[in-house]
């Protein structure tokens, strides 16, 4: 009984040893978190440019918080799509 419980405990602890999700780009494997971070940064920059091009920058306050939130949302969506948890 104790031996089987020890084996079960060891088997469940190995579940966390799986590799991080990665994508093969240009012949190398990039971690998915890095790609989602880059997509989030790009999304924040694009939203910043859109706010100033349309004149919303004068209307919307706390631009740093708003653009950071938009970047985080984009990064999270890319992460969920890439890891297969969204679709």
PDB file of N, CA and C in Angstrom:
ATOM      1  N   UNK A   1       0.822  -1.190   0.000  1.00  0.00           N
ATOM      2  CA  UNK A   1       0.000   0.000   0.000  1.00  0.00           C
ATOM      3  C   UNK A   1       0.870   1.259   0.000  1.00  0.00           C
ATOM      4  N   UNK A   2       1.856   1.290   0.903  1.00  0.00           N
ATOM      5  CA  UNK A   2       2.729   2.462   0.989  1.00  0.00           C
ATOM      6  C   UNK A   2       3.572   2.602  -0.274  1.00  0.00           C
ATOM      7  N   UNK A   3       3.980   1.466  -0.834  1.00  0.00           N
ATOM      8  CA  UNK A   3       4.792   1.515  -2.046  1.00  0.00           C
ATOM      9  C   UNK A   3       3.979   2.036  -3.233  1.00  0.00           C
ATOM     10  N   UNK A   4       2.732   1.617  -3.334  1.00  0.00           N
ATOM     11  CA  UNK A   4       1.900   2.095  -4.436  1.00  0.00           C
ATOM     12  C   UNK A   4       1.596   3.584  -4.282  1.00  0.00           C
ATOM     13  N   UNK A   5       1.411   4.045  -3.053  1.00  0.00           N
ATOM     14  CA  UNK A   5       1.194   5.476  -2.840  1.00  0.00           C
ATOM     15  C   UNK A   5       2.442   6.276  -3.199  1.00  0.00           C
ATOM     16  N   UNK A   6       3.610   5.724  -2.879  1.00  0.00           N
ATOM     17  CA  UNK A   6       4.854   6.405  -3.233  1.00  0.00           C
ATOM     18  C   UNK A   6       5.023   6.473  -4.746  1.00  0.00           C
ATOM     19  N   UNK A   7       4.670   5.402  -5.453  1.00  0.00           N
ATOM     20  CA  UNK A   7       4.757   5.408  -6.910  1.00  0.00           C
ATOM     21  C   UNK A   7       3.778   6.398  -7.534  1.00  0.00           C
ATOM     22  N   UNK A   8       2.597   6.474  -6.971  1.00  0.00           N
ATOM     23  CA  UNK A   8       1.606   7.433  -7.472  1.00  0.00           C
ATOM     24  C   UNK A   8       2.092   8.859  -7.238  1.00  0.00           C
ATOM     25  N   UNK A   9       2.669   9.113  -6.064  1.00  0.00           N
ATOM     26  CA  UNK A   9       3.189  10.449  -5.766  1.00  0.00           C
ATOM     27  C   UNK A   9       4.326  10.819  -6.712  1.00  0.00           C
ATOM     28  N   UNK A  10       5.199   9.869  -7.007  1.00  0.00           N
ATOM     29  CA  UNK A  10       6.289  10.139  -7.942  1.00  0.00           C
ATOM     30  C   UNK A  10       5.772  10.368  -9.356  1.00  0.00           C
ATOM     31  N   UNK A  11       4.798   9.593  -9.758  1.00  0.00           N
ATOM     32  CA  UNK A  11       4.251   9.737 -11.109  1.00  0.00           C
ATOM     33  C   UNK A  11       3.547  11.076 -11.279  1.00  0.00           C
ATOM     34  N   UNK A  12       2.818  11.514 -10.270  1.00  0.00           N
ATOM     35  CA  UNK A  12       2.130  12.801 -10.388  1.00  0.00           C
ATOM     36  C   UNK A  12       3.105  13.965 -10.313  1.00  0.00           C
ATOM     37  N   UNK A  13       4.225  13.794  -9.612  1.00  0.00           N
ATOM     38  CA  UNK A  13       5.197  14.885  -9.558  1.00  0.00           C
ATOM     39  C   UNK A  13       5.939  15.041 -10.878  1.00  0.00           C
ATOM     40  N   UNK A  14       6.001  14.007 -11.694  1.00  0.00           N
ATOM     41  CA  UNK A  14       6.659  14.096 -12.993  1.00  0.00           C
ATOM     42  C   UNK A  14       5.806  14.803 -14.037  1.00  0.00           C
ATOM     43  N   UNK A  15       4.560  15.057 -13.724  1.00  0.00           N
ATOM     44  CA  UNK A  15       3.678  15.734 -14.667  1.00  0.00           C
ATOM     45  C   UNK A  15       4.201  17.138 -14.981  1.00  0.00           C
ATOM     46  N   UNK A  16       4.811  17.792 -14.011  1.00  0.00           N
ATOM     47  CA  UNK A  16       5.332  19.140 -14.218  1.00  0.00           C
ATOM     48  C   UNK A  16       6.636  19.184 -14.981  1.00  0.00           C
ATOM     49  N   UNK A  17       7.196  18.047 -15.339  1.00  0.00           N
ATOM     50  CA  UNK A  17       8.480  18.011 -16.042  1.00  0.00           C
ATOM     51  C   UNK A  17       8.332  18.089 -17.554  1.00  0.00           C
ATOM     52  N   UNK A  18       7.154  18.333 -18.040  1.00  0.00           N
ATOM     53  CA  UNK A  18       6.989  18.441 -19.490  1.00  0.00           C
ATOM     54  C   UNK A  18       7.625  19.743 -19.967  1.00  0.00           C
ATOM     55  N   UNK A  19       8.051  19.749 -21.204  1.00  0.00           N
ATOM     56  CA  UNK A  19       8.720  20.920 -21.752  1.00  0.00           C
ATOM     57  C   UNK A  19       7.764  22.078 -21.986  1.00  0.00           C
ATOM     58  N   UNK A  20       8.319  23.264 -22.071  1.00  0.00           N
ATOM     59  CA  UNK A  20       7.517  24.453 -22.334  1.00  0.00           C
ATOM     60  C   UNK A  20       7.071  24.444 -23.791  1.00  0.00           C
ATOM     61  N   UNK A  21       5.888  24.987 -24.078  1.00  0.00           N
ATOM     62  CA  UNK A  21       5.445  25.046 -25.469  1.00  0.00           C
ATOM     63  C   UNK A  21       6.390  25.921 -26.290  1.00  0.00           C
ATOM     64  N   UNK A  22       6.762  25.442 -27.467  1.00  0.00           N
ATOM     65  CA  UNK A  22       7.649  26.212 -28.329  1.00  0.00           C
ATOM     66  C   UNK A  22       7.216  26.040 -29.779  1.00  0.00           C
ATOM     67  N   UNK A  23       7.626  26.986 -30.590  1.00  0.00           N
ATOM     68  CA  UNK A  23       7.294  26.980 -32.010  1.00  0.00           C
ATOM     69  C   UNK A  23       8.578  27.012 -32.822  1.00  0.00           C
ATOM     70  N   UNK A  24       8.595  26.290 -33.911  1.00  0.00           N
ATOM     71  CA  UNK A  24       9.749  26.310 -34.797  1.00  0.00           C
ATOM     72  C   UNK A  24       9.635  27.442 -35.800  1.00  0.00           C
ATOM     73  N   UNK A  25      10.508  28.422 -35.687  1.00  0.00           N
ATOM     74  CA  UNK A  25      10.531  29.554 -36.611  1.00  0.00           C
ATOM     75  C   UNK A  25      11.939  29.741 -37.143  1.00  0.00           C
ATOM     76  N   UNK A  26      12.081  29.828 -38.439  1.00  0.00           N
ATOM     77  CA  UNK A  26      13.364  30.084 -39.091  1.00  0.00           C
ATOM     78  C   UNK A  26      14.422  29.064 -38.691  1.00  0.00           C
ATOM     79  N   UNK A  27      14.037  27.831 -38.504  1.00  0.00           N
ATOM     80  CA  UNK A  27      14.977  26.770 -38.193  1.00  0.00           C
ATOM     81  C   UNK A  27      15.359  26.647 -36.729  1.00  0.00           C
ATOM     82  N   UNK A  28      14.748  27.445 -35.863  1.00  0.00           N
ATOM     83  CA  UNK A  28      15.058  27.372 -34.430  1.00  0.00           C
ATOM     84  C   UNK A  28      13.749  27.328 -33.657  1.00  0.00           C
ATOM     85  N   UNK A  29      13.813  26.803 -32.449  1.00  0.00           N
ATOM     86  CA  UNK A  29      12.624  26.737 -31.601  1.00  0.00           C
ATOM     87  C   UNK A  29      12.605  27.924 -30.654  1.00  0.00           C
ATOM     88  N   UNK A  30      11.513  28.685 -30.691  1.00  0.00           N
ATOM     89  CA  UNK A  30      11.336  29.827 -29.818  1.00  0.00           C
ATOM     90  C   UNK A  30      10.275  29.486 -28.784  1.00  0.00           C
ATOM     91  N   UNK A  31      10.498  29.861 -27.532  1.00  0.00           N
ATOM     92  CA  UNK A  31       9.469  29.606 -26.526  1.00  0.00           C
ATOM     93  C   UNK A  31       8.219  30.437 -26.818  1.00  0.00           C
ATOM     94  N   UNK A  32       7.091  29.853 -26.554  1.00  0.00           N
ATOM     95  CA  UNK A  32       5.821  30.514 -26.853  1.00  0.00           C
ATOM     96  C   UNK A  32       5.630  31.775 -26.024  1.00  0.00           C
ATOM     97  N   UNK A  33       6.141  31.782 -24.794  1.00  0.00           N
ATOM     98  CA  UNK A  33       5.983  32.976 -23.964  1.00  0.00           C
ATOM     99  C   UNK A  33       6.732  34.161 -24.560  1.00  0.00           C
ATOM    100  N   UNK A  34       7.869  33.897 -25.210  1.00  0.00           N
ATOM    101  CA  UNK A  34       8.629  34.982 -25.821  1.00  0.00           C
ATOM    102  C   UNK A  34       7.892  35.542 -27.035  1.00  0.00           C
ATOM    103  N   UNK A  35       7.324  34.667 -27.830  1.00  0.00           N
ATOM    104  CA  UNK A  35       6.564  35.126 -28.994  1.00  0.00           C
ATOM    105  C   UNK A  35       5.311  35.890 -28.580  1.00  0.00           C
ATOM    106  N   UNK A  36       4.645  35.434 -27.522  1.00  0.00           N
ATOM    107  CA  UNK A  36       3.452  36.152 -27.075  1.00  0.00           C
ATOM    108  C   UNK A  36       3.826  37.498 -26.463  1.00  0.00           C
ATOM    109  N   UNK A  37       4.973  37.583 -25.801  1.00  0.00           N
ATOM    110  CA  UNK A  37       5.423  38.868 -25.260  1.00  0.00           C
ATOM    111  C   UNK A  37       5.727  39.853 -26.384  1.00  0.00           C
ATOM    112  N   UNK A  38       6.382  39.376 -27.433  1.00  0.00           N
ATOM    113  CA  UNK A  38       6.671  40.251 -28.574  1.00  0.00           C
ATOM    114  C   UNK A  38       5.390  40.703 -29.271  1.00  0.00           C
ATOM    115  N   UNK A  39       4.421  39.808 -29.380  1.00  0.00           N
ATOM    116  CA  UNK A  39       3.135  40.186 -29.977  1.00  0.00           C
ATOM    117  C   UNK A  39       2.416  41.207 -29.101  1.00  0.00           C
ATOM    118  N   UNK A  40       2.505  41.057 -27.787  1.00  0.00           N
ATOM    119  CA  UNK A  40       1.887  42.017 -26.877  1.00  0.00           C
ATOM    120  C   UNK A  40       2.531  43.388 -26.964  1.00  0.00           C
ATOM    121  N   UNK A  41       3.860  43.419 -27.064  1.00  0.00           N
ATOM    122  CA  UNK A  41       4.559  44.699 -27.206  1.00  0.00           C
ATOM    123  C   UNK A  41       4.179  45.365 -28.523  1.00  0.00           C
ATOM    124  N   UNK A  42       4.138  44.580 -29.584  1.00  0.00           N
ATOM    125  CA  UNK A  42       3.736  45.125 -30.885  1.00  0.00           C
ATOM    126  C   UNK A  42       2.297  45.635 -30.840  1.00  0.00           C
ATOM    127  N   UNK A  43       1.417  44.909 -30.159  1.00  0.00           N
ATOM    128  CA  UNK A  43       0.030  45.354 -30.031  1.00  0.00           C
ATOM    129  C   UNK A  43      -0.097  46.643 -29.241  1.00  0.00           C
ATOM    130  N   UNK A  44       0.714  46.797 -28.197  1.00  0.00           N
ATOM    131  CA  UNK A  44       0.684  48.028 -27.411  1.00  0.00           C
ATOM    132  C   UNK A  44       1.188  49.211 -28.232  1.00  0.00           C
ATOM    133  N   UNK A  45       2.221  48.990 -29.031  1.00  0.00           N
ATOM    134  CA  UNK A  45       2.749  50.067 -29.871  1.00  0.00           C
ATOM    135  C   UNK A  45       1.734  50.456 -30.941  1.00  0.00           C
ATOM    136  N   UNK A  46       1.100  49.466 -31.550  1.00  0.00           N
ATOM    137  CA  UNK A  46       0.087  49.755 -32.571  1.00  0.00           C
ATOM    138  C   UNK A  46      -1.100  50.496 -31.955  1.00  0.00           C
ATOM    139  N   UNK A  47      -1.534  50.092 -30.780  1.00  0.00           N
ATOM    140  CA  UNK A  47      -2.656  50.790 -30.138  1.00  0.00           C
ATOM    141  C   UNK A  47      -2.273  52.221 -29.778  1.00  0.00           C
ATOM    142  N   UNK A  48      -1.037  52.439 -29.360  1.00  0.00           N
ATOM    143  CA  UNK A  48      -0.553  53.790 -29.063  1.00  0.00           C
ATOM    144  C   UNK A  48      -0.612  54.661 -30.313  1.00  0.00           C
ATOM    145  N   UNK A  49      -0.155  54.106 -31.430  1.00  0.00           N
ATOM    146  CA  UNK A  49      -0.161  54.870 -32.678  1.00  0.00           C
ATOM    147  C   UNK A  49      -1.587  55.146 -33.159  1.00  0.00           C
ATOM    148  N   UNK A  50      -2.474  54.181 -32.966  1.00  0.00           N
ATOM    149  CA  UNK A  50      -3.871  54.383 -33.368  1.00  0.00           C
ATOM    150  C   UNK A  50      -4.524  55.462 -32.519  1.00  0.00           C
ATOM    151  N   UNK A  51      -4.259  55.456 -31.223  1.00  0.00           N
ATOM    152  CA  UNK A  51      -4.834  56.474 -30.346  1.00  0.00           C
ATOM    153  C   UNK A  51      -4.403  57.876 -30.763  1.00  0.00           C
ATOM    154  N   UNK A  52      -3.152  58.046 -31.126  1.00  0.00           N
ATOM    155  CA  UNK A  52      -2.702  59.372 -31.529  1.00  0.00           C
ATOM    156  C   UNK A  52      -3.145  59.732 -32.940  1.00  0.00           C
ATOM    157  N   UNK A  53      -3.244  58.770 -33.826  1.00  0.00           N
ATOM    158  CA  UNK A  53      -3.673  59.061 -35.198  1.00  0.00           C
ATOM    159  C   UNK A  53      -5.146  59.458 -35.259  1.00  0.00           C
ATOM    160  N   UNK A  54      -5.964  58.868 -34.404  1.00  0.00           N
ATOM    161  CA  UNK A  54      -7.395  59.163 -34.427  1.00  0.00           C
ATOM    162  C   UNK A  54      -7.794  60.304 -33.501  1.00  0.00           C
ATOM    163  N   UNK A  55      -6.879  60.762 -32.664  1.00  0.00           N
ATOM    164  CA  UNK A  55      -7.199  61.842 -31.737  1.00  0.00           C
ATOM    165  C   UNK A  55      -7.800  61.372 -30.430  1.00  0.00           C
ATOM    166  N   UNK A  56      -7.842  60.077 -30.198  1.00  0.00           N
ATOM    167  CA  UNK A  56      -8.395  59.555 -28.949  1.00  0.00           C
ATOM    168  C   UNK A  56      -7.465  59.789 -27.769  1.00  0.00           C
ATOM    169  N   UNK A  57      -6.229  60.165 -28.043  1.00  0.00           N
ATOM    170  CA  UNK A  57      -5.263  60.368 -26.958  1.00  0.00           C
ATOM    171  C   UNK A  57      -5.684  61.520 -26.052  1.00  0.00           C
ATOM    172  N   UNK A  58      -6.386  62.507 -26.601  1.00  0.00           N
ATOM    173  CA  UNK A  58      -6.857  63.613 -25.767  1.00  0.00           C
ATOM    174  C   UNK A  58      -8.072  63.216 -24.939  1.00  0.00           C
ATOM    175  N   UNK A  59      -8.831  62.244 -25.412  1.00  0.00           N
ATOM    176  CA  UNK A  59     -10.064  61.834 -24.728  1.00  0.00           C
ATOM    177  C   UNK A  59      -9.779  60.797 -23.651  1.00  0.00           C
ATOM    178  N   UNK A  60      -9.000  59.792 -23.990  1.00  0.00           N
ATOM    179  CA  UNK A  60      -8.732  58.681 -23.076  1.00  0.00           C
ATOM    180  C   UNK A  60      -7.594  59.069 -22.143  1.00  0.00           C
ATOM    181  N   UNK A  61      -7.842  58.964 -20.855  1.00  0.00           N
ATOM    182  CA  UNK A  61      -6.816  59.284 -19.870  1.00  0.00           C
ATOM    183  C   UNK A  61      -6.019  58.032 -19.537  1.00  0.00           C
ATOM    184  N   UNK A  62      -4.895  58.215 -18.904  1.00  0.00           N
ATOM    185  CA  UNK A  62      -4.014  57.125 -18.467  1.00  0.00           C
ATOM    186  C   UNK A  62      -3.617  56.246 -19.651  1.00  0.00           C
ATOM    187  N   UNK A  63      -3.002  56.863 -20.640  1.00  0.00           N
ATOM    188  CA  UNK A  63      -2.617  56.150 -21.857  1.00  0.00           C
ATOM    189  C   UNK A  63      -1.680  54.988 -21.578  1.00  0.00           C
ATOM    190  N   UNK A  64      -0.770  55.159 -20.619  1.00  0.00           N
ATOM    191  CA  UNK A  64       0.162  54.080 -20.304  1.00  0.00           C
ATOM    192  C   UNK A  64      -0.582  52.842 -19.823  1.00  0.00           C
ATOM    193  N   UNK A  65      -1.558  53.024 -18.955  1.00  0.00           N
ATOM    194  CA  UNK A  65      -2.328  51.882 -18.449  1.00  0.00           C
ATOM    195  C   UNK A  65      -3.186  51.249 -19.537  1.00  0.00           C
ATOM    196  N   UNK A  66      -3.793  52.066 -20.363  1.00  0.00           N
ATOM    197  CA  UNK A  66      -4.671  51.554 -21.415  1.00  0.00           C
ATOM    198  C   UNK A  66      -3.871  50.760 -22.448  1.00  0.00           C
ATOM    199  N   UNK A  67      -2.757  51.312 -22.905  1.00  0.00           N
ATOM    200  CA  UNK A  67      -1.955  50.612 -23.914  1.00  0.00           C
ATOM    201  C   UNK A  67      -1.293  49.369 -23.338  1.00  0.00           C
ATOM    202  N   UNK A  68      -0.893  49.422 -22.073  1.00  0.00           N
ATOM    203  CA  UNK A  68      -0.334  48.232 -21.430  1.00  0.00           C
ATOM    204  C   UNK A  68      -1.385  47.136 -21.317  1.00  0.00           C
ATOM    205  N   UNK A  69      -2.604  47.508 -20.968  1.00  0.00           N
ATOM    206  CA  UNK A  69      -3.684  46.521 -20.866  1.00  0.00           C
ATOM    207  C   UNK A  69      -3.996  45.909 -22.229  1.00  0.00           C
ATOM    208  N   UNK A  70      -3.993  46.718 -23.262  1.00  0.00           N
ATOM    209  CA  UNK A  70      -4.229  46.189 -24.610  1.00  0.00           C
ATOM    210  C   UNK A  70      -3.119  45.222 -25.000  1.00  0.00           C
ATOM    211  N   UNK A  71      -1.872  45.570 -24.695  1.00  0.00           N
ATOM    212  CA  UNK A  71      -0.754  44.681 -24.986  1.00  0.00           C
ATOM    213  C   UNK A  71      -0.839  43.377 -24.220  1.00  0.00           C
ATOM    214  N   UNK A  72      -1.247  43.435 -22.950  1.00  0.00           N
ATOM    215  CA  UNK A  72      -1.404  42.215 -22.152  1.00  0.00           C
ATOM    216  C   UNK A  72      -2.516  41.325 -22.688  1.00  0.00           C
ATOM    217  N   UNK A  73      -3.598  41.933 -23.124  1.00  0.00           N
ATOM    218  CA  UNK A  73      -4.701  41.151 -23.688  1.00  0.00           C
ATOM    219  C   UNK A  73      -4.249  40.444 -24.967  1.00  0.00           C
ATOM    220  N   UNK A  74      -3.534  41.160 -25.820  1.00  0.00           N
ATOM    221  CA  UNK A  74      -3.051  40.548 -27.061  1.00  0.00           C
ATOM    222  C   UNK A  74      -2.068  39.428 -26.762  1.00  0.00           C
ATOM    223  N   UNK A  75      -1.158  39.649 -25.807  1.00  0.00           N
ATOM    224  CA  UNK A  75      -0.189  38.614 -25.446  1.00  0.00           C
ATOM    225  C   UNK A  75      -0.888  37.379 -24.887  1.00  0.00           C
ATOM    226  N   UNK A  76      -1.906  37.580 -24.080  1.00  0.00           N
ATOM    227  CA  UNK A  76      -2.641  36.442 -23.508  1.00  0.00           C
ATOM    228  C   UNK A  76      -3.397  35.674 -24.586  1.00  0.00           C
ATOM    229  N   UNK A  77      -3.980  36.380 -25.539  1.00  0.00           N
ATOM    230  CA  UNK A  77      -4.688  35.703 -26.627  1.00  0.00           C
ATOM    231  C   UNK A  77      -3.714  34.887 -27.474  1.00  0.00           C
ATOM    232  N   UNK A  78      -2.538  35.454 -27.760  1.00  0.00           N
ATOM    233  CA  UNK A  78      -1.532  34.711 -28.529  1.00  0.00           C
ATOM    234  C   UNK A  78      -1.079  33.486 -27.753  1.00  0.00           C
ATOM    235  N   UNK A  79      -0.880  33.635 -26.442  1.00  0.00           N
ATOM    236  CA  UNK A  79      -0.463  32.494 -25.614  1.00  0.00           C
ATOM    237  C   UNK A  79      -1.531  31.398 -25.627  1.00  0.00           C
ATOM    238  N   UNK A  80      -2.795  31.785 -25.454  1.00  0.00           N
ATOM    239  CA  UNK A  80      -3.867  30.794 -25.417  1.00  0.00           C
ATOM    240  C   UNK A  80      -4.062  30.119 -26.773  1.00  0.00           C
ATOM    241  N   UNK A  81      -3.928  30.868 -27.847  1.00  0.00           N
ATOM    242  CA  UNK A  81      -4.035  30.260 -29.177  1.00  0.00           C
ATOM    243  C   UNK A  81      -2.863  29.324 -29.449  1.00  0.00           C
ATOM    244  N   UNK A  82      -1.666  29.737 -29.059  1.00  0.00           N
ATOM    245  CA  UNK A  82      -0.485  28.929 -29.321  1.00  0.00           C
ATOM    246  C   UNK A  82      -0.417  27.662 -28.503  1.00  0.00           C
ATOM    247  N   UNK A  83      -0.903  27.720 -27.273  1.00  0.00           N
ATOM    248  CA  UNK A  83      -0.853  26.529 -26.418  1.00  0.00           C
ATOM    249  C   UNK A  83      -2.064  25.625 -26.613  1.00  0.00           C
ATOM    250  N   UNK A  84      -3.043  26.067 -27.385  1.00  0.00           N
ATOM    251  CA  UNK A  84      -4.198  25.233 -27.676  1.00  0.00           C
ATOM    252  C   UNK A  84      -5.285  25.280 -26.625  1.00  0.00           C
ATOM    253  N   UNK A  85      -5.236  26.240 -25.726  1.00  0.00           N
ATOM    254  CA  UNK A  85      -6.247  26.323 -24.677  1.00  0.00           C
ATOM    255  C   UNK A  85      -7.457  27.161 -25.076  1.00  0.00           C
ATOM    256  N   UNK A  86      -7.338  27.927 -26.150  1.00  0.00           N
ATOM    257  CA  UNK A  86      -8.450  28.779 -26.548  1.00  0.00           C
ATOM    258  C   UNK A  86      -9.342  28.088 -27.565  1.00  0.00           C
ATOM    259  N   UNK A  87      -8.760  27.473 -28.550  1.00  0.00           N
ATOM    260  CA  UNK A  87      -9.559  26.785 -29.571  1.00  0.00           C
ATOM    261  C   UNK A  87      -9.223  25.325 -29.608  1.00  0.00           C
TER     262      UNK A  87
END
